[in-house]
Amino acid sequence: MDETLKAALLSRFAAYLDTALPEAPSEDVSEAADLYSVFVELAGLRNEVRTESRLVKDALDQFRAVFDMVQVQQAAMQKDLDRARAEARGGAVLRPLLLDVIDLRDRLLAALKLTAPAPPPGWPMRLWRRAGQGQAAWEEGLRMTLRRLDQVLADRQVVPIACVGRPFDPVCARAVAVSDSAGAAEGVVIEEVRTGFMWEGAVLRIADVVVARAAASAI
């Protein structure tokens, strides 16, 4: 074959190969494309992590608030339950005993209010003086017992109800009589017949009192 023809055919075949086969991409372009894809994926993953973290934080905050509320309610319920148990256990038993102590106090106070009788005629004064000394010792013994009962009641938060000089209150007092009084307004308690008592803020025994009424005007 002629060398000239052979060279022409090789040249034409080389040109054909250049047009038929696409140009291979360079390594720099491929590497840049891969780094961009990784960056995009990392950015998306970071956003997802932030979103999930925010959702988890909100859920934890809500759970913490609910847990605190449950604890407060449980503490309140336990306190009410303990108070109810204490009232049921101690109130039903202690209330009658306190009323008996108050009744004994009333009897001692009434005994102290009794005046010593006058000496009978014809008795020697020396004997009567000895009897008076015994009476004084007996009264002092009653006073000591009365003070001890008052201390027992005070230790258990049992206190007298102050009624005299105040408006009549049917919750803690009972009017056993009314009386004209020029120095007191109508409806004010002017005398206490029987002392009332409060126990831990509640009425243990109501008081018997005399209430003032308006004096009748002269006709």
C-alpha atoms as a PDB file:
ATOM      1  CA  MET A   1       0.000   0.000   0.000  1.00  0.00           C
ATOM      2  CA  ASP A   2       1.156   3.457  -0.796  1.00  0.00           C
ATOM      3  CA  GLU A   3       2.585   5.234   2.195  1.00  0.00           C
ATOM      4  CA  THR A   4       0.697   8.392   1.338  1.00  0.00           C
ATOM      5  CA  LEU A   5      -2.640   6.592   1.297  1.00  0.00           C
ATOM      6  CA  LYS A   6      -1.786   4.814   4.504  1.00  0.00           C
ATOM      7  CA  ALA A   7      -1.018   8.071   6.277  1.00  0.00           C
ATOM      8  CA  ALA A   8      -4.270   9.608   5.029  1.00  0.00           C
ATOM      9  CA  LEU A   9      -6.317   6.664   6.339  1.00  0.00           C
ATOM     10  CA  LEU A  10      -4.663   6.835   9.775  1.00  0.00           C
ATOM     11  CA  SER A  11      -5.260  10.550   9.953  1.00  0.00           C
ATOM     12  CA  ARG A  12      -8.921  10.125   9.017  1.00  0.00           C
ATOM     13  CA  PHE A  13      -9.357   7.293  11.612  1.00  0.00           C
ATOM     14  CA  ALA A  14      -7.807   9.408  14.335  1.00  0.00           C
ATOM     15  CA  ALA A  15     -10.182  12.257  13.529  1.00  0.00           C
ATOM     16  CA  TYR A  16     -13.117   9.849  13.735  1.00  0.00           C
ATOM     17  CA  LEU A  17     -12.029   8.647  17.151  1.00  0.00           C
ATOM     18  CA  ASP A  18     -11.757  12.219  18.425  1.00  0.00           C
ATOM     19  CA  THR A  19     -15.335  12.994  17.379  1.00  0.00           C
ATOM     20  CA  ALA A  20     -16.921   9.660  18.439  1.00  0.00           C
ATOM     21  CA  LEU A  21     -15.511   9.373  22.004  1.00  0.00           C
ATOM     22  CA  PRO A  22     -16.565  12.077  24.624  1.00  0.00           C
ATOM     23  CA  GLU A  23     -13.853  13.905  26.453  1.00  0.00           C
ATOM     24  CA  ALA A  24     -13.192  12.388  29.885  1.00  0.00           C
ATOM     25  CA  PRO A  25     -13.764  14.806  32.794  1.00  0.00           C
ATOM     26  CA  SER A  26     -10.748  16.009  34.628  1.00  0.00           C
ATOM     27  CA  GLU A  27      -9.984  14.748  38.121  1.00  0.00           C
ATOM     28  CA  ASP A  28     -10.289  18.251  39.668  1.00  0.00           C
ATOM     29  CA  VAL A  29     -13.887  18.713  38.515  1.00  0.00           C
ATOM     30  CA  SER A  30     -14.940  15.265  39.836  1.00  0.00           C
ATOM     31  CA  GLU A  31     -13.301  15.898  43.195  1.00  0.00           C
ATOM     32  CA  ALA A  32     -15.002  19.300  43.559  1.00  0.00           C
ATOM     33  CA  ALA A  33     -18.389  17.737  42.767  1.00  0.00           C
ATOM     34  CA  ASP A  34     -17.871  15.077  45.461  1.00  0.00           C
ATOM     35  CA  LEU A  35     -16.891  17.662  48.118  1.00  0.00           C
ATOM     36  CA  TYR A  36     -19.963  19.772  47.355  1.00  0.00           C
ATOM     37  CA  SER A  37     -22.238  16.742  47.757  1.00  0.00           C
ATOM     38  CA  VAL A  38     -20.654  15.922  51.096  1.00  0.00           C
ATOM     39  CA  PHE A  39     -21.081  19.534  52.241  1.00  0.00           C
ATOM     40  CA  VAL A  40     -24.760  19.531  51.276  1.00  0.00           C
ATOM     41  CA  GLU A  41     -25.375  16.278  53.103  1.00  0.00           C
ATOM     42  CA  LEU A  42     -23.573  17.549  56.209  1.00  0.00           C
ATOM     43  CA  ALA A  43     -25.614  20.760  56.210  1.00  0.00           C
ATOM     44  CA  GLY A  44     -28.854  18.792  55.956  1.00  0.00           C
ATOM     45  CA  LEU A  45     -27.771  16.431  58.721  1.00  0.00           C
ATOM     46  CA  ARG A  46     -26.892  19.369  60.966  1.00  0.00           C
ATOM     47  CA  ASN A  47     -30.337  20.905  60.462  1.00  0.00           C
ATOM     48  CA  GLU A  48     -31.995  17.610  61.261  1.00  0.00           C
ATOM     49  CA  VAL A  49     -29.927  17.244  64.445  1.00  0.00           C
ATOM     50  CA  ARG A  50     -30.872  20.772  65.530  1.00  0.00           C
ATOM     51  CA  THR A  51     -34.551  20.087  64.907  1.00  0.00           C
ATOM     52  CA  GLU A  52     -34.467  16.814  66.803  1.00  0.00           C
ATOM     53  CA  SER A  53     -32.588  18.415  69.699  1.00  0.00           C
ATOM     54  CA  ARG A  54     -35.172  21.189  69.939  1.00  0.00           C
ATOM     55  CA  LEU A  55     -38.017  18.669  69.941  1.00  0.00           C
ATOM     56  CA  VAL A  56     -36.320  16.596  72.630  1.00  0.00           C
ATOM     57  CA  LYS A  57     -35.713  19.712  74.776  1.00  0.00           C
ATOM     58  CA  ASP A  58     -39.360  20.777  74.477  1.00  0.00           C
ATOM     59  CA  ALA A  59     -40.495  17.289  75.445  1.00  0.00           C
ATOM     60  CA  LEU A  60     -38.178  17.261  78.462  1.00  0.00           C
ATOM     61  CA  ASP A  61     -39.424  20.682  79.592  1.00  0.00           C
ATOM     62  CA  GLN A  62     -43.031  19.557  79.351  1.00  0.00           C
ATOM     63  CA  PHE A  63     -42.270  16.353  81.215  1.00  0.00           C
ATOM     64  CA  ARG A  64     -40.442  18.288  83.938  1.00  0.00           C
ATOM     65  CA  ALA A  65     -43.387  20.670  84.373  1.00  0.00           C
ATOM     66  CA  VAL A  66     -45.837  17.769  84.603  1.00  0.00           C
ATOM     67  CA  PHE A  67     -43.582  15.960  87.063  1.00  0.00           C
ATOM     68  CA  ASP A  68     -43.307  19.049  89.294  1.00  0.00           C
ATOM     69  CA  MET A  69     -47.074  19.509  89.262  1.00  0.00           C
ATOM     70  CA  VAL A  70     -47.607  15.856  90.187  1.00  0.00           C
ATOM     71  CA  GLN A  71     -45.143  16.210  93.068  1.00  0.00           C
ATOM     72  CA  VAL A  72     -46.931  19.302  94.407  1.00  0.00           C
ATOM     73  CA  GLN A  73     -50.323  17.634  94.177  1.00  0.00           C
ATOM     74  CA  GLN A  74     -49.018  14.498  95.812  1.00  0.00           C
ATOM     75  CA  ALA A  75     -47.520  16.494  98.695  1.00  0.00           C
ATOM     76  CA  ALA A  76     -50.806  18.372  99.184  1.00  0.00           C
ATOM     77  CA  MET A  77     -52.801  15.145  99.128  1.00  0.00           C
ATOM     78  CA  GLN A  78     -50.433  13.527 101.622  1.00  0.00           C
ATOM     79  CA  LYS A  79     -50.726  16.536 103.925  1.00  0.00           C
ATOM     80  CA  ASP A  80     -54.527  16.459 103.773  1.00  0.00           C
ATOM     81  CA  LEU A  81     -54.499  12.714 104.369  1.00  0.00           C
ATOM     82  CA  ASP A  82     -52.218  13.034 107.392  1.00  0.00           C
ATOM     83  CA  ARG A  83     -54.363  15.808 108.839  1.00  0.00           C
ATOM     84  CA  ALA A  84     -57.533  13.799 108.279  1.00  0.00           C
ATOM     85  CA  ARG A  85     -55.979  10.764 109.941  1.00  0.00           C
ATOM     86  CA  ALA A  86     -54.797  12.842 112.884  1.00  0.00           C
ATOM     87  CA  GLU A  87     -58.217  14.427 113.307  1.00  0.00           C
ATOM     88  CA  ALA A  88     -59.974  11.095 113.034  1.00  0.00           C
ATOM     89  CA  ARG A  89     -57.552   9.429 115.438  1.00  0.00           C
ATOM     90  CA  GLY A  90     -57.136  12.167 118.020  1.00  0.00           C
ATOM     91  CA  GLY A  91     -60.238  14.339 117.707  1.00  0.00           C
ATOM     92  CA  ALA A  92     -62.814  11.666 118.431  1.00  0.00           C
ATOM     93  CA  VAL A  93     -60.934  10.506 121.528  1.00  0.00           C
ATOM     94  CA  LEU A  94     -59.520  13.774 122.852  1.00  0.00           C
ATOM     95  CA  ARG A  95     -62.612  15.956 122.481  1.00  0.00           C
ATOM     96  CA  PRO A  96     -64.670  14.229 125.228  1.00  0.00           C
ATOM     97  CA  LEU A  97     -61.662  14.244 127.550  1.00  0.00           C
ATOM     98  CA  LEU A  98     -61.135  17.971 127.017  1.00  0.00           C
ATOM     99  CA  LEU A  99     -64.789  18.644 127.730  1.00  0.00           C
ATOM    100  CA  ASP A 100     -64.504  16.647 130.972  1.00  0.00           C
ATOM    101  CA  VAL A 101     -61.464  18.698 131.990  1.00  0.00           C
ATOM    102  CA  ILE A 102     -63.372  21.900 131.243  1.00  0.00           C
ATOM    103  CA  ASP A 103     -66.322  20.678 133.312  1.00  0.00           C
ATOM    104  CA  LEU A 104     -63.978  19.906 136.220  1.00  0.00           C
ATOM    105  CA  ARG A 105     -62.509  23.384 135.846  1.00  0.00           C
ATOM    106  CA  ASP A 106     -65.994  24.897 136.081  1.00  0.00           C
ATOM    107  CA  ARG A 107     -66.657  22.996 139.311  1.00  0.00           C
ATOM    108  CA  LEU A 108     -63.408  24.144 140.881  1.00  0.00           C
ATOM    109  CA  LEU A 109     -64.085  27.737 139.864  1.00  0.00           C
ATOM    110  CA  ALA A 110     -67.579  27.560 141.329  1.00  0.00           C
ATOM    111  CA  ALA A 111     -66.157  26.184 144.587  1.00  0.00           C
ATOM    112  CA  LEU A 112     -63.696  29.094 144.796  1.00  0.00           C
ATOM    113  CA  LYS A 113     -66.501  31.593 144.377  1.00  0.00           C
ATOM    114  CA  LEU A 114     -68.255  30.318 147.486  1.00  0.00           C
ATOM    115  CA  THR A 115     -67.794  32.711 150.389  1.00  0.00           C
ATOM    116  CA  ALA A 116     -66.742  31.432 153.783  1.00  0.00           C
ATOM    117  CA  PRO A 117     -69.691  31.321 156.225  1.00  0.00           C
ATOM    118  CA  ALA A 118     -69.805  33.674 159.161  1.00  0.00           C
ATOM    119  CA  PRO A 119     -68.848  32.187 162.570  1.00  0.00           C
ATOM    120  CA  PRO A 120     -71.861  30.824 164.434  1.00  0.00           C
ATOM    121  CA  PRO A 121     -72.770  32.651 167.638  1.00  0.00           C
ATOM    122  CA  GLY A 122     -71.201  31.351 170.803  1.00  0.00           C
ATOM    123  CA  TRP A 123     -68.179  29.736 169.075  1.00  0.00           C
ATOM    124  CA  PRO A 124     -64.785  30.623 170.525  1.00  0.00           C
ATOM    125  CA  MET A 125     -62.881  32.858 168.143  1.00  0.00           C
ATOM    126  CA  ARG A 126     -59.725  30.762 168.514  1.00  0.00           C
ATOM    127  CA  LEU A 127     -61.439  27.686 167.140  1.00  0.00           C
ATOM    128  CA  TRP A 128     -63.020  29.669 164.349  1.00  0.00           C
ATOM    129  CA  ARG A 129     -59.646  31.208 163.443  1.00  0.00           C
ATOM    130  CA  ARG A 130     -58.176  27.728 163.106  1.00  0.00           C
ATOM    131  CA  ALA A 131     -61.062  26.739 160.886  1.00  0.00           C
ATOM    132  CA  GLY A 132     -60.428  29.859 158.756  1.00  0.00           C
ATOM    133  CA  GLN A 133     -56.809  28.892 158.294  1.00  0.00           C
ATOM    134  CA  GLY A 134     -57.888  25.475 157.091  1.00  0.00           C
ATOM    135  CA  GLN A 135     -60.329  27.146 154.700  1.00  0.00           C
ATOM    136  CA  ALA A 136     -57.556  29.324 153.253  1.00  0.00           C
ATOM    137  CA  ALA A 137     -55.303  26.315 152.685  1.00  0.00           C
ATOM    138  CA  TRP A 138     -58.184  24.498 151.020  1.00  0.00           C
ATOM    139  CA  GLU A 139     -58.840  27.447 148.713  1.00  0.00           C
ATOM    140  CA  GLU A 140     -55.155  27.701 147.805  1.00  0.00           C
ATOM    141  CA  GLY A 141     -55.156  24.017 146.916  1.00  0.00           C
ATOM    142  CA  LEU A 142     -58.145  24.606 144.634  1.00  0.00           C
ATOM    143  CA  ARG A 143     -56.349  27.523 142.966  1.00  0.00           C
ATOM    144  CA  MET A 144     -53.273  25.406 142.341  1.00  0.00           C
ATOM    145  CA  THR A 145     -55.397  22.651 140.808  1.00  0.00           C
ATOM    146  CA  LEU A 146     -57.247  25.209 138.698  1.00  0.00           C
ATOM    147  CA  ARG A 147     -53.981  26.674 137.409  1.00  0.00           C
ATOM    148  CA  ARG A 148     -52.766  23.210 136.545  1.00  0.00           C
ATOM    149  CA  LEU A 149     -55.942  22.472 134.562  1.00  0.00           C
ATOM    150  CA  ASP A 150     -55.611  25.773 132.705  1.00  0.00           C
ATOM    151  CA  GLN A 151     -52.046  24.854 131.773  1.00  0.00           C
ATOM    152  CA  VAL A 152     -53.129  21.416 130.530  1.00  0.00           C
ATOM    153  CA  LEU A 153     -55.797  23.018 128.351  1.00  0.00           C
ATOM    154  CA  ALA A 154     -53.399  25.659 127.026  1.00  0.00           C
ATOM    155  CA  ASP A 155     -50.830  22.994 126.115  1.00  0.00           C
ATOM    156  CA  ARG A 156     -53.482  21.399 123.915  1.00  0.00           C
ATOM    157  CA  GLN A 157     -54.435  24.735 122.306  1.00  0.00           C
ATOM    158  CA  VAL A 158     -57.684  25.038 124.255  1.00  0.00           C
ATOM    159  CA  VAL A 159     -58.257  28.728 125.040  1.00  0.00           C
ATOM    160  CA  PRO A 160     -61.222  30.636 126.522  1.00  0.00           C
ATOM    161  CA  ILE A 161     -63.474  32.635 124.217  1.00  0.00           C
ATOM    162  CA  ALA A 162     -63.488  36.348 124.976  1.00  0.00           C
ATOM    163  CA  CYS A 163     -67.129  37.436 124.809  1.00  0.00           C
ATOM    164  CA  VAL A 164     -67.713  40.243 127.320  1.00  0.00           C
ATOM    165  CA  GLY A 165     -67.754  43.677 125.719  1.00  0.00           C
ATOM    166  CA  ARG A 166     -68.074  42.269 122.194  1.00  0.00           C
ATOM    167  CA  PRO A 167     -71.093  41.900 119.902  1.00  0.00           C
ATOM    168  CA  PHE A 168     -73.021  38.680 120.404  1.00  0.00           C
ATOM    169  CA  ASP A 169     -71.860  35.931 118.049  1.00  0.00           C
ATOM    170  CA  PRO A 170     -74.207  32.919 117.818  1.00  0.00           C
ATOM    171  CA  VAL A 171     -71.390  30.775 116.434  1.00  0.00           C
ATOM    172  CA  CYS A 172     -69.441  30.761 119.691  1.00  0.00           C
ATOM    173  CA  ALA A 173     -72.015  31.938 122.280  1.00  0.00           C
ATOM    174  CA  ARG A 174     -75.557  31.259 123.426  1.00  0.00           C
ATOM    175  CA  ALA A 175     -77.720  33.989 124.949  1.00  0.00           C
ATOM    176  CA  VAL A 176     -79.294  32.689 128.139  1.00  0.00           C
ATOM    177  CA  ALA A 177     -80.691  36.067 129.179  1.00  0.00           C
ATOM    178  CA  VAL A 178     -81.028  39.686 128.111  1.00  0.00           C
ATOM    179  CA  SER A 179     -80.681  42.671 130.378  1.00  0.00           C
ATOM    180  CA  ASP A 180     -81.060  46.414 130.215  1.00  0.00           C
ATOM    181  CA  SER A 181     -77.715  48.172 130.285  1.00  0.00           C
ATOM    182  CA  ALA A 182     -77.180  51.870 129.996  1.00  0.00           C
ATOM    183  CA  GLY A 183     -73.454  51.501 129.467  1.00  0.00           C
ATOM    184  CA  ALA A 184     -73.527  48.972 126.616  1.00  0.00           C
ATOM    185  CA  ALA A 185     -75.006  49.028 123.149  1.00  0.00           C
ATOM    186  CA  GLU A 186     -77.774  46.678 122.202  1.00  0.00           C
ATOM    187  CA  GLY A 187     -76.516  43.218 121.240  1.00  0.00           C
ATOM    188  CA  VAL A 188     -73.267  43.475 123.216  1.00  0.00           C
ATOM    189  CA  VAL A 189     -72.383  40.753 125.719  1.00  0.00           C
ATOM    190  CA  ILE A 190     -72.370  42.217 129.237  1.00  0.00           C
ATOM    191  CA  GLU A 191     -71.920  39.072 131.338  1.00  0.00           C
ATOM    192  CA  GLU A 192     -70.488  35.593 130.918  1.00  0.00           C
ATOM    193  CA  VAL A 193     -72.438  32.879 132.743  1.00  0.00           C
ATOM    194  CA  ARG A 194     -70.365  29.976 131.458  1.00  0.00           C
ATOM    195  CA  THR A 195     -67.019  30.305 129.682  1.00  0.00           C
ATOM    196  CA  GLY A 196     -66.713  29.022 126.129  1.00  0.00           C
ATOM    197  CA  PHE A 197     -63.566  27.487 124.688  1.00  0.00           C
ATOM    198  CA  MET A 198     -61.852  27.228 121.309  1.00  0.00           C
ATOM    199  CA  TRP A 199     -59.759  24.212 120.308  1.00  0.00           C
ATOM    200  CA  GLU A 200     -57.261  24.621 117.457  1.00  0.00           C
ATOM    201  CA  GLY A 201     -59.303  27.441 115.946  1.00  0.00           C
ATOM    202  CA  ALA A 202     -62.676  25.648 116.206  1.00  0.00           C
ATOM    203  CA  VAL A 203     -65.403  26.006 118.822  1.00  0.00           C
ATOM    204  CA  LEU A 204     -65.078  23.298 121.456  1.00  0.00           C
ATOM    205  CA  ARG A 205     -67.812  24.572 123.783  1.00  0.00           C
ATOM    206  CA  ILE A 206     -70.014  27.587 123.253  1.00  0.00           C
ATOM    207  CA  ALA A 207     -70.312  30.211 125.983  1.00  0.00           C
ATOM    208  CA  ASP A 208     -73.481  31.078 127.899  1.00  0.00           C
ATOM    209  CA  VAL A 209     -73.821  34.860 128.063  1.00  0.00           C
ATOM    210  CA  VAL A 210     -76.125  37.712 128.958  1.00  0.00           C
ATOM    211  CA  VAL A 211     -76.755  40.178 126.149  1.00  0.00           C
ATOM    212  CA  ALA A 212     -77.610  43.849 126.522  1.00  0.00           C
ATOM    213  CA  ARG A 213     -80.824  45.197 125.100  1.00  0.00           C
ATOM    214  CA  ALA A 214     -81.951  48.698 124.461  1.00  0.00           C
ATOM    215  CA  ALA A 215     -83.485  50.304 127.504  1.00  0.00           C
ATOM    216  CA  ALA A 216     -87.202  51.019 127.175  1.00  0.00           C
ATOM    217  CA  SER A 217     -87.855  54.731 126.683  1.00  0.00           C
ATOM    218  CA  ALA A 218     -89.978  56.484 129.277  1.00  0.00           C
ATOM    219  CA  ILE A 219     -93.569  57.232 128.262  1.00  0.00           C
END
